[in-house]
Amino acid sequence: LTQPPSRHLMAALTSFCSKYSQPFCRVLVAAVLQEPGEG
């Protein structure tokens, strides 16, 4: 991402995250947090 996520991507993320938030956090959030740079 170099600009805010599209509404479609945001809708997909929030729906997936609503049911599977633990694996979502372990995989996606962890990767974002560990990514070097500004992000």
PDB file of all heavy atoms in Angstrom:
ATOM      1  N   LEU A   1       0.831  -1.208   0.000  1.00  0.00           N
ATOM      2  CA  LEU A   1       0.000   0.000   0.000  1.00  0.00           C
ATOM      3  C   LEU A   1       0.864   1.255   0.000  1.00  0.00           C
ATOM      4  O   LEU A   1       1.798   1.379   0.780  1.00  0.00           O
ATOM      5  CB  LEU A   1      -0.898   0.046   1.243  1.00  0.00           C
ATOM      6  CG  LEU A   1      -2.119  -0.861   1.273  1.00  0.00           C
ATOM      7  CD1 LEU A   1      -2.813  -0.748   2.628  1.00  0.00           C
ATOM      8  CD2 LEU A   1      -3.095  -0.523   0.156  1.00  0.00           C
ATOM      9  N   THR A   2       0.533   2.182  -0.901  1.00  0.00           N
ATOM     10  CA  THR A   2       1.205   3.484  -0.917  1.00  0.00           C
ATOM     11  C   THR A   2       0.186   4.605  -0.733  1.00  0.00           C
ATOM     12  O   THR A   2       0.530   5.764  -0.685  1.00  0.00           O
ATOM     13  CB  THR A   2       1.965   3.707  -2.246  1.00  0.00           C
ATOM     14  OG1 THR A   2       1.042   3.559  -3.314  1.00  0.00           O
ATOM     15  CG2 THR A   2       3.111   2.726  -2.389  1.00  0.00           C
ATOM     16  N   GLN A   3      -1.080   4.208  -0.671  1.00  0.00           N
ATOM     17  CA  GLN A   3      -2.174   5.139  -0.410  1.00  0.00           C
ATOM     18  C   GLN A   3      -3.224   4.371   0.388  1.00  0.00           C
ATOM     19  O   GLN A   3      -3.122   3.153   0.507  1.00  0.00           O
ATOM     20  CB  GLN A   3      -2.740   5.691  -1.712  1.00  0.00           C
ATOM     21  CG  GLN A   3      -3.195   4.641  -2.693  1.00  0.00           C
ATOM     22  CD  GLN A   3      -3.502   5.239  -4.062  1.00  0.00           C
ATOM     23  OE1 GLN A   3      -3.036   6.316  -4.392  1.00  0.00           O
ATOM     24  NE2 GLN A   3      -4.283   4.544  -4.849  1.00  0.00           N
ATOM     25  N   PRO A   4      -4.215   5.057   0.940  1.00  0.00           N
ATOM     26  CA  PRO A   4      -5.214   4.336   1.742  1.00  0.00           C
ATOM     27  C   PRO A   4      -5.842   3.184   0.951  1.00  0.00           C
ATOM     28  O   PRO A   4      -5.996   3.276  -0.267  1.00  0.00           O
ATOM     29  CB  PRO A   4      -6.250   5.408   2.072  1.00  0.00           C
ATOM     30  CG  PRO A   4      -5.491   6.696   2.011  1.00  0.00           C
ATOM     31  CD  PRO A   4      -4.465   6.497   0.922  1.00  0.00           C
ATOM     32  N   PRO A   5      -6.192   2.087   1.642  1.00  0.00           N
ATOM     33  CA  PRO A   5      -6.792   0.942   0.946  1.00  0.00           C
ATOM     34  C   PRO A   5      -8.131   1.315   0.318  1.00  0.00           C
ATOM     35  O   PRO A   5      -8.844   2.172   0.831  1.00  0.00           O
ATOM     36  CB  PRO A   5      -6.976  -0.098   2.053  1.00  0.00           C
ATOM     37  CG  PRO A   5      -6.900   0.650   3.330  1.00  0.00           C
ATOM     38  CD  PRO A   5      -6.098   1.871   3.086  1.00  0.00           C
ATOM     39  N   SER A   6      -8.435   0.662  -0.785  1.00  0.00           N
ATOM     40  CA  SER A   6      -9.732   0.881  -1.442  1.00  0.00           C
ATOM     41  C   SER A   6     -10.850   0.408  -0.515  1.00  0.00           C
ATOM     42  O   SER A   6     -10.616  -0.357   0.424  1.00  0.00           O
ATOM     43  CB  SER A   6      -9.788   0.095  -2.744  1.00  0.00           C
ATOM     44  OG  SER A   6      -9.870  -1.302  -2.448  1.00  0.00           O
ATOM     45  N   ARG A   7     -12.056   0.845  -0.802  1.00  0.00           N
ATOM     46  CA  ARG A   7     -13.178   0.408   0.043  1.00  0.00           C
ATOM     47  C   ARG A   7     -13.386  -1.099  -0.076  1.00  0.00           C
ATOM     48  O   ARG A   7     -13.793  -1.745   0.874  1.00  0.00           O
ATOM     49  CB  ARG A   7     -14.450   1.202  -0.266  1.00  0.00           C
ATOM     50  CG  ARG A   7     -14.997   1.037  -1.635  1.00  0.00           C
ATOM     51  CD  ARG A   7     -16.221   1.950  -1.876  1.00  0.00           C
ATOM     52  NE  ARG A   7     -16.660   1.845  -3.238  1.00  0.00           N
ATOM     53  CZ  ARG A   7     -17.495   0.913  -3.684  1.00  0.00           C
ATOM     54  NH1 ARG A   7     -17.983   0.019  -2.866  1.00  0.00           N
ATOM     55  NH2 ARG A   7     -17.843   0.888  -4.965  1.00  0.00           N
ATOM     56  N   HIS A   8     -13.096  -1.671  -1.257  1.00  0.00           N
ATOM     57  CA  HIS A   8     -13.228  -3.122  -1.430  1.00  0.00           C
ATOM     58  C   HIS A   8     -12.221  -3.858  -0.551  1.00  0.00           C
ATOM     59  O   HIS A   8     -12.572  -4.824   0.134  1.00  0.00           O
ATOM     60  CB  HIS A   8     -13.018  -3.524  -2.895  1.00  0.00           C
ATOM     61  CG  HIS A   8     -14.128  -3.105  -3.807  1.00  0.00           C
ATOM     62  ND1 HIS A   8     -15.423  -3.525  -3.652  1.00  0.00           N
ATOM     63  CD2 HIS A   8     -14.128  -2.303  -4.897  1.00  0.00           C
ATOM     64  CE1 HIS A   8     -16.180  -3.012  -4.606  1.00  0.00           C
ATOM     65  NE2 HIS A   8     -15.415  -2.250  -5.375  1.00  0.00           N
ATOM     66  N   LEU A   9     -10.970  -3.414  -0.584  1.00  0.00           N
ATOM     67  CA  LEU A   9      -9.947  -4.071   0.235  1.00  0.00           C
ATOM     68  C   LEU A   9     -10.289  -3.912   1.717  1.00  0.00           C
ATOM     69  O   LEU A   9     -10.183  -4.865   2.493  1.00  0.00           O
ATOM     70  CB  LEU A   9      -8.557  -3.501  -0.058  1.00  0.00           C
ATOM     71  CG  LEU A   9      -7.410  -4.088   0.773  1.00  0.00           C
ATOM     72  CD1 LEU A   9      -7.336  -5.608   0.632  1.00  0.00           C
ATOM     73  CD2 LEU A   9      -6.081  -3.450   0.361  1.00  0.00           C
ATOM     74  N   MET A  10     -10.726  -2.736   2.105  1.00  0.00           N
ATOM     75  CA  MET A  10     -11.083  -2.506   3.507  1.00  0.00           C
ATOM     76  C   MET A  10     -12.252  -3.390   3.918  1.00  0.00           C
ATOM     77  O   MET A  10     -12.257  -3.958   5.018  1.00  0.00           O
ATOM     78  CB  MET A  10     -11.415  -1.022   3.704  1.00  0.00           C
ATOM     79  CG  MET A  10     -11.248  -0.541   5.096  1.00  0.00           C
ATOM     80  SD  MET A  10      -9.539  -0.731   5.652  1.00  0.00           S
ATOM     81  CE  MET A  10      -9.817  -0.758   7.401  1.00  0.00           C
ATOM     82  N   ALA A  11     -13.235  -3.534   3.046  1.00  0.00           N
ATOM     83  CA  ALA A  11     -14.395  -4.394   3.345  1.00  0.00           C
ATOM     84  C   ALA A  11     -13.951  -5.846   3.508  1.00  0.00           C
ATOM     85  O   ALA A  11     -14.397  -6.548   4.423  1.00  0.00           O
ATOM     86  CB  ALA A  11     -15.439  -4.271   2.242  1.00  0.00           C
ATOM     87  N   ALA A  12     -13.070  -6.302   2.624  1.00  0.00           N
ATOM     88  CA  ALA A  12     -12.574  -7.682   2.707  1.00  0.00           C
ATOM     89  C   ALA A  12     -11.769  -7.892   3.991  1.00  0.00           C
ATOM     90  O   ALA A  12     -11.945  -8.889   4.699  1.00  0.00           O
ATOM     91  CB  ALA A  12     -11.726  -8.014   1.481  1.00  0.00           C
ATOM     92  N   LEU A  13     -10.896  -6.943   4.299  1.00  0.00           N
ATOM     93  CA  LEU A  13     -10.080  -7.041   5.515  1.00  0.00           C
ATOM     94  C   LEU A  13     -10.949  -7.081   6.770  1.00  0.00           C
ATOM     95  O   LEU A  13     -10.753  -7.937   7.634  1.00  0.00           O
ATOM     96  CB  LEU A  13      -9.135  -5.832   5.613  1.00  0.00           C
ATOM     97  CG  LEU A  13      -7.900  -5.849   4.730  1.00  0.00           C
ATOM     98  CD1 LEU A  13      -7.295  -4.450   4.642  1.00  0.00           C
ATOM     99  CD2 LEU A  13      -6.873  -6.835   5.246  1.00  0.00           C
ATOM    100  N   THR A  14     -11.901  -6.166   6.851  1.00  0.00           N
ATOM    101  CA  THR A  14     -12.715  -6.113   8.065  1.00  0.00           C
ATOM    102  C   THR A  14     -13.613  -7.336   8.205  1.00  0.00           C
ATOM    103  O   THR A  14     -13.796  -7.833   9.314  1.00  0.00           O
ATOM    104  CB  THR A  14     -13.559  -4.827   8.132  1.00  0.00           C
ATOM    105  OG1 THR A  14     -14.326  -4.702   6.944  1.00  0.00           O
ATOM    106  CG2 THR A  14     -12.692  -3.603   8.309  1.00  0.00           C
ATOM    107  N   SER A  15     -14.136  -7.842   7.098  1.00  0.00           N
ATOM    108  CA  SER A  15     -14.984  -9.034   7.219  1.00  0.00           C
ATOM    109  C   SER A  15     -14.168 -10.254   7.635  1.00  0.00           C
ATOM    110  O   SER A  15     -14.558 -10.996   8.537  1.00  0.00           O
ATOM    111  CB  SER A  15     -15.759  -9.300   5.925  1.00  0.00           C
ATOM    112  OG  SER A  15     -14.893  -9.680   4.880  1.00  0.00           O
ATOM    113  N   PHE A  16     -12.999 -10.432   7.033  1.00  0.00           N
ATOM    114  CA  PHE A  16     -12.151 -11.577   7.390  1.00  0.00           C
ATOM    115  C   PHE A  16     -11.701 -11.454   8.846  1.00  0.00           C
ATOM    116  O   PHE A  16     -11.758 -12.400   9.621  1.00  0.00           O
ATOM    117  CB  PHE A  16     -10.934 -11.645   6.460  1.00  0.00           C
ATOM    118  CG  PHE A  16     -10.116 -12.883   6.645  1.00  0.00           C
ATOM    119  CD1 PHE A  16     -10.412 -14.034   5.936  1.00  0.00           C
ATOM    120  CD2 PHE A  16      -9.052 -12.921   7.543  1.00  0.00           C
ATOM    121  CE1 PHE A  16      -9.671 -15.193   6.107  1.00  0.00           C
ATOM    122  CE2 PHE A  16      -8.306 -14.074   7.717  1.00  0.00           C
ATOM    123  CZ  PHE A  16      -8.615 -15.215   7.001  1.00  0.00           C
ATOM    124  N   CYS A  17     -11.284 -10.265   9.194  1.00  0.00           N
ATOM    125  CA  CYS A  17     -10.762  -9.979  10.521  1.00  0.00           C
ATOM    126  C   CYS A  17     -11.832 -10.159  11.604  1.00  0.00           C
ATOM    127  O   CYS A  17     -11.540 -10.521  12.735  1.00  0.00           O
ATOM    128  CB  CYS A  17     -10.247  -8.557  10.466  1.00  0.00           C
ATOM    129  SG  CYS A  17      -9.575  -7.882  11.892  1.00  0.00           S
ATOM    130  N   SER A  18     -13.094  -9.911  11.251  1.00  0.00           N
ATOM    131  CA  SER A  18     -14.170 -10.028  12.237  1.00  0.00           C
ATOM    132  C   SER A  18     -14.342 -11.463  12.740  1.00  0.00           C
ATOM    133  O   SER A  18     -14.735 -11.677  13.877  1.00  0.00           O
ATOM    134  CB  SER A  18     -15.491  -9.536  11.638  1.00  0.00           C
ATOM    135  OG  SER A  18     -15.943 -10.429  10.634  1.00  0.00           O
ATOM    136  N   LYS A  19     -14.035 -12.433  11.898  1.00  0.00           N
ATOM    137  CA  LYS A  19     -14.216 -13.830  12.295  1.00  0.00           C
ATOM    138  C   LYS A  19     -12.899 -14.520  12.649  1.00  0.00           C
ATOM    139  O   LYS A  19     -12.880 -15.401  13.497  1.00  0.00           O
ATOM    140  CB  LYS A  19     -14.911 -14.586  11.166  1.00  0.00           C
ATOM    141  CG  LYS A  19     -15.358 -15.984  11.579  1.00  0.00           C
ATOM    142  CD  LYS A  19     -16.334 -16.547  10.586  1.00  0.00           C
ATOM    143  CE  LYS A  19     -16.927 -17.858  11.056  1.00  0.00           C
ATOM    144  NZ  LYS A  19     -17.947 -18.344  10.142  1.00  0.00           N
ATOM    145  N   TYR A  20     -11.838 -14.114  12.018  1.00  0.00           N
ATOM    146  CA  TYR A  20     -10.550 -14.800  12.200  1.00  0.00           C
ATOM    147  C   TYR A  20      -9.466 -13.826  12.663  1.00  0.00           C
ATOM    148  O   TYR A  20      -8.384 -13.762  12.096  1.00  0.00           O
ATOM    149  CB  TYR A  20     -10.138 -15.487  10.893  1.00  0.00           C
ATOM    150  CG  TYR A  20     -11.135 -16.537  10.454  1.00  0.00           C
ATOM    151  CD1 TYR A  20     -11.966 -16.329   9.361  1.00  0.00           C
ATOM    152  CD2 TYR A  20     -11.273 -17.715  11.166  1.00  0.00           C
ATOM    153  CE1 TYR A  20     -12.894 -17.287   8.975  1.00  0.00           C
ATOM    154  CE2 TYR A  20     -12.197 -18.679  10.795  1.00  0.00           C
ATOM    155  CZ  TYR A  20     -13.010 -18.462   9.699  1.00  0.00           C
ATOM    156  OH  TYR A  20     -13.932 -19.414   9.339  1.00  0.00           O
ATOM    157  N   SER A  21      -9.778 -13.059  13.703  1.00  0.00           N
ATOM    158  CA  SER A  21      -8.862 -11.985  14.097  1.00  0.00           C
ATOM    159  C   SER A  21      -7.552 -12.488  14.687  1.00  0.00           C
ATOM    160  O   SER A  21      -6.512 -11.870  14.470  1.00  0.00           O
ATOM    161  CB  SER A  21      -9.551 -11.002  15.043  1.00  0.00           C
ATOM    162  OG  SER A  21      -9.954 -11.629  16.221  1.00  0.00           O
ATOM    163  N   GLN A  22      -7.553 -13.599  15.401  1.00  0.00           N
ATOM    164  CA  GLN A  22      -6.296 -14.086  15.982  1.00  0.00           C
ATOM    165  C   GLN A  22      -5.288 -14.491  14.900  1.00  0.00           C
ATOM    166  O   GLN A  22      -4.171 -13.978  14.889  1.00  0.00           O
ATOM    167  CB  GLN A  22      -6.554 -15.256  16.943  1.00  0.00           C
ATOM    168  CG  GLN A  22      -7.231 -14.846  18.235  1.00  0.00           C
ATOM    169  CD  GLN A  22      -6.294 -14.180  19.219  1.00  0.00           C
ATOM    170  OE1 GLN A  22      -5.121 -14.520  19.311  1.00  0.00           O
ATOM    171  NE2 GLN A  22      -6.804 -13.206  19.947  1.00  0.00           N
ATOM    172  N   PRO A  23      -5.660 -15.381  13.962  1.00  0.00           N
ATOM    173  CA  PRO A  23      -4.684 -15.702  12.911  1.00  0.00           C
ATOM    174  C   PRO A  23      -4.351 -14.485  12.042  1.00  0.00           C
ATOM    175  O   PRO A  23      -3.210 -14.323  11.603  1.00  0.00           O
ATOM    176  CB  PRO A  23      -5.349 -16.805  12.086  1.00  0.00           C
ATOM    177  CG  PRO A  23      -6.768 -16.857  12.516  1.00  0.00           C
ATOM    178  CD  PRO A  23      -6.864 -16.214  13.861  1.00  0.00           C
ATOM    179  N   PHE A  24      -5.328 -13.614  11.826  1.00  0.00           N
ATOM    180  CA  PHE A  24      -5.102 -12.396  11.058  1.00  0.00           C
ATOM    181  C   PHE A  24      -4.020 -11.553  11.730  1.00  0.00           C
ATOM    182  O   PHE A  24      -3.093 -11.070  11.085  1.00  0.00           O
ATOM    183  CB  PHE A  24      -6.422 -11.616  10.974  1.00  0.00           C
ATOM    184  CG  PHE A  24      -6.336 -10.351  10.181  1.00  0.00           C
ATOM    185  CD1 PHE A  24      -6.505 -10.354   8.813  1.00  0.00           C
ATOM    186  CD2 PHE A  24      -6.089  -9.137  10.812  1.00  0.00           C
ATOM    187  CE1 PHE A  24      -6.430  -9.185   8.066  1.00  0.00           C
ATOM    188  CE2 PHE A  24      -6.009  -7.963  10.086  1.00  0.00           C
ATOM    189  CZ  PHE A  24      -6.184  -7.992   8.717  1.00  0.00           C
ATOM    190  N   CYS A  25      -4.132 -11.377  13.036  1.00  0.00           N
ATOM    191  CA  CYS A  25      -3.145 -10.574  13.775  1.00  0.00           C
ATOM    192  C   CYS A  25      -1.777 -11.236  13.780  1.00  0.00           C
ATOM    193  O   CYS A  25      -0.756 -10.572  13.627  1.00  0.00           O
ATOM    194  CB  CYS A  25      -3.606 -10.345  15.212  1.00  0.00           C
ATOM    195  SG  CYS A  25      -4.973  -9.183  15.328  1.00  0.00           S
ATOM    196  N   ARG A  26      -1.751 -12.546  13.963  1.00  0.00           N
ATOM    197  CA  ARG A  26      -0.473 -13.263  14.015  1.00  0.00           C
ATOM    198  C   ARG A  26       0.275 -13.191  12.688  1.00  0.00           C
ATOM    199  O   ARG A  26       1.494 -13.158  12.665  1.00  0.00           O
ATOM    200  CB  ARG A  26      -0.685 -14.723  14.393  1.00  0.00           C
ATOM    201  CG  ARG A  26      -1.163 -14.916  15.782  1.00  0.00           C
ATOM    202  CD  ARG A  26      -0.061 -15.474  16.649  1.00  0.00           C
ATOM    203  NE  ARG A  26      -0.556 -15.668  17.989  1.00  0.00           N
ATOM    204  CZ  ARG A  26       0.005 -15.158  19.058  1.00  0.00           C
ATOM    205  NH1 ARG A  26       1.090 -14.434  18.954  1.00  0.00           N
ATOM    206  NH2 ARG A  26      -0.499 -15.371  20.245  1.00  0.00           N
ATOM    207  N   VAL A  27      -0.460 -13.186  11.583  1.00  0.00           N
ATOM    208  CA  VAL A  27       0.185 -13.181  10.268  1.00  0.00           C
ATOM    209  C   VAL A  27       0.331 -11.760   9.727  1.00  0.00           C
ATOM    210  O   VAL A  27       1.441 -11.281   9.507  1.00  0.00           O
ATOM    211  CB  VAL A  27      -0.625 -14.039   9.263  1.00  0.00           C
ATOM    212  CG1 VAL A  27      -0.104 -13.877   7.856  1.00  0.00           C
ATOM    213  CG2 VAL A  27      -0.581 -15.500   9.669  1.00  0.00           C
ATOM    214  N   LEU A  28      -0.777 -11.099   9.525  1.00  0.00           N
ATOM    215  CA  LEU A  28      -0.745  -9.814   8.822  1.00  0.00           C
ATOM    216  C   LEU A  28      -0.260  -8.660   9.699  1.00  0.00           C
ATOM    217  O   LEU A  28       0.652  -7.935   9.319  1.00  0.00           O
ATOM    218  CB  LEU A  28      -2.134  -9.487   8.271  1.00  0.00           C
ATOM    219  CG  LEU A  28      -2.070  -8.308   7.317  1.00  0.00           C
ATOM    220  CD1 LEU A  28      -1.928  -8.811   5.905  1.00  0.00           C
ATOM    221  CD2 LEU A  28      -3.275  -7.436   7.450  1.00  0.00           C
ATOM    222  N   VAL A  29      -0.850  -8.505  10.870  1.00  0.00           N
ATOM    223  CA  VAL A  29      -0.457  -7.390  11.733  1.00  0.00           C
ATOM    224  C   VAL A  29       1.001  -7.543  12.145  1.00  0.00           C
ATOM    225  O   VAL A  29       1.761  -6.576  12.120  1.00  0.00           O
ATOM    226  CB  VAL A  29      -1.400  -7.267  12.953  1.00  0.00           C
ATOM    227  CG1 VAL A  29      -0.891  -6.219  13.932  1.00  0.00           C
ATOM    228  CG2 VAL A  29      -2.822  -6.923  12.491  1.00  0.00           C
ATOM    229  N   ALA A  30       1.408  -8.762  12.474  1.00  0.00           N
ATOM    230  CA  ALA A  30       2.807  -8.994  12.860  1.00  0.00           C
ATOM    231  C   ALA A  30       3.759  -8.592  11.735  1.00  0.00           C
ATOM    232  O   ALA A  30       4.783  -7.946  11.976  1.00  0.00           O
ATOM    233  CB  ALA A  30       3.020 -10.457  13.236  1.00  0.00           C
ATOM    234  N   ALA A  31       3.412  -8.941  10.498  1.00  0.00           N
ATOM    235  CA  ALA A  31       4.268  -8.584   9.352  1.00  0.00           C
ATOM    236  C   ALA A  31       4.344  -7.070   9.163  1.00  0.00           C
ATOM    237  O   ALA A  31       5.416  -6.529   8.887  1.00  0.00           O
ATOM    238  CB  ALA A  31       3.742  -9.246   8.076  1.00  0.00           C
ATOM    239  N   VAL A  32       3.220  -6.387   9.327  1.00  0.00           N
ATOM    240  CA  VAL A  32       3.207  -4.928   9.183  1.00  0.00           C
ATOM    241  C   VAL A  32       4.066  -4.288  10.273  1.00  0.00           C
ATOM    242  O   VAL A  32       4.860  -3.392  10.011  1.00  0.00           O
ATOM    243  CB  VAL A  32       1.761  -4.367   9.239  1.00  0.00           C
ATOM    244  CG1 VAL A  32       1.757  -2.855   9.402  1.00  0.00           C
ATOM    245  CG2 VAL A  32       0.992  -4.777   7.989  1.00  0.00           C
ATOM    246  N   LEU A  33       3.923  -4.768  11.497  1.00  0.00           N
ATOM    247  CA  LEU A  33       4.677  -4.191  12.607  1.00  0.00           C
ATOM    248  C   LEU A  33       6.177  -4.392  12.430  1.00  0.00           C
ATOM    249  O   LEU A  33       6.974  -3.534  12.792  1.00  0.00           O
ATOM    250  CB  LEU A  33       4.232  -4.811  13.938  1.00  0.00           C
ATOM    251  CG  LEU A  33       2.777  -4.549  14.353  1.00  0.00           C
ATOM    252  CD1 LEU A  33       2.466  -5.309  15.630  1.00  0.00           C
ATOM    253  CD2 LEU A  33       2.494  -3.071  14.515  1.00  0.00           C
ATOM    254  N   GLN A  34       6.567  -5.531  11.865  1.00  0.00           N
ATOM    255  CA  GLN A  34       7.988  -5.846  11.719  1.00  0.00           C
ATOM    256  C   GLN A  34       8.608  -5.262  10.455  1.00  0.00           C
ATOM    257  O   GLN A  34       9.824  -5.243  10.324  1.00  0.00           O
ATOM    258  CB  GLN A  34       8.182  -7.370  11.726  1.00  0.00           C
ATOM    259  CG  GLN A  34       7.856  -7.979  13.071  1.00  0.00           C
ATOM    260  CD  GLN A  34       7.759  -9.486  13.020  1.00  0.00           C
ATOM    261  OE1 GLN A  34       8.142 -10.111  12.039  1.00  0.00           O
ATOM    262  NE2 GLN A  34       7.258 -10.083  14.091  1.00  0.00           N
ATOM    263  N   GLU A  35       7.779  -4.786   9.550  1.00  0.00           N
ATOM    264  CA  GLU A  35       8.266  -4.234   8.294  1.00  0.00           C
ATOM    265  C   GLU A  35       9.129  -3.004   8.577  1.00  0.00           C
ATOM    266  O   GLU A  35       8.696  -2.087   9.264  1.00  0.00           O
ATOM    267  CB  GLU A  35       7.073  -3.857   7.404  1.00  0.00           C
ATOM    268  CG  GLU A  35       7.421  -3.421   6.026  1.00  0.00           C
ATOM    269  CD  GLU A  35       7.898  -4.532   5.108  1.00  0.00           C
ATOM    270  OE1 GLU A  35       7.787  -5.718   5.444  1.00  0.00           O
ATOM    271  OE2 GLU A  35       8.398  -4.191   4.032  1.00  0.00           O
ATOM    272  N   PRO A  36      10.358  -2.976   8.064  1.00  0.00           N
ATOM    273  CA  PRO A  36      11.196  -1.796   8.310  1.00  0.00           C
ATOM    274  C   PRO A  36      10.680  -0.589   7.543  1.00  0.00           C
ATOM    275  O   PRO A  36       9.920  -0.728   6.594  1.00  0.00           O
ATOM    276  CB  PRO A  36      12.578  -2.238   7.795  1.00  0.00           C
ATOM    277  CG  PRO A  36      12.290  -3.308   6.805  1.00  0.00           C
ATOM    278  CD  PRO A  36      11.017  -3.983   7.249  1.00  0.00           C
ATOM    279  N   GLY A  37      11.069   0.567   7.960  1.00  0.00           N
ATOM    280  CA  GLY A  37      10.673   1.788   7.254  1.00  0.00           C
ATOM    281  C   GLY A  37       9.431   2.414   7.834  1.00  0.00           C
ATOM    282  O   GLY A  37       8.881   1.948   8.826  1.00  0.00           O
ATOM    283  N   GLU A  38       8.988   3.450   7.176  1.00  0.00           N
ATOM    284  CA  GLU A  38       7.860   4.242   7.670  1.00  0.00           C
ATOM    285  C   GLU A  38       6.558   3.457   7.663  1.00  0.00           C
ATOM    286  O   GLU A  38       5.873   3.379   8.648  1.00  0.00           O
ATOM    287  CB  GLU A  38       7.705   5.517   6.839  1.00  0.00           C
ATOM    288  CG  GLU A  38       8.815   6.519   7.069  1.00  0.00           C
ATOM    289  CD  GLU A  38       8.909   6.982   8.514  1.00  0.00           C
ATOM    290  OE1 GLU A  38       7.893   7.444   9.060  1.00  0.00           O
ATOM    291  OE2 GLU A  38       9.997   6.866   9.092  1.00  0.00           O
ATOM    292  N   GLY A  39       6.198   2.899   6.502  1.00  0.00           N
ATOM    293  CA  GLY A  39       4.958   2.129   6.409  1.00  0.00           C
ATOM    294  C   GLY A  39       3.742   2.908   6.873  1.00  0.00           C
ATOM    295  O   GLY A  39       2.901   2.388   7.599  1.00  0.00           O
TER     296      GLY A  39
END
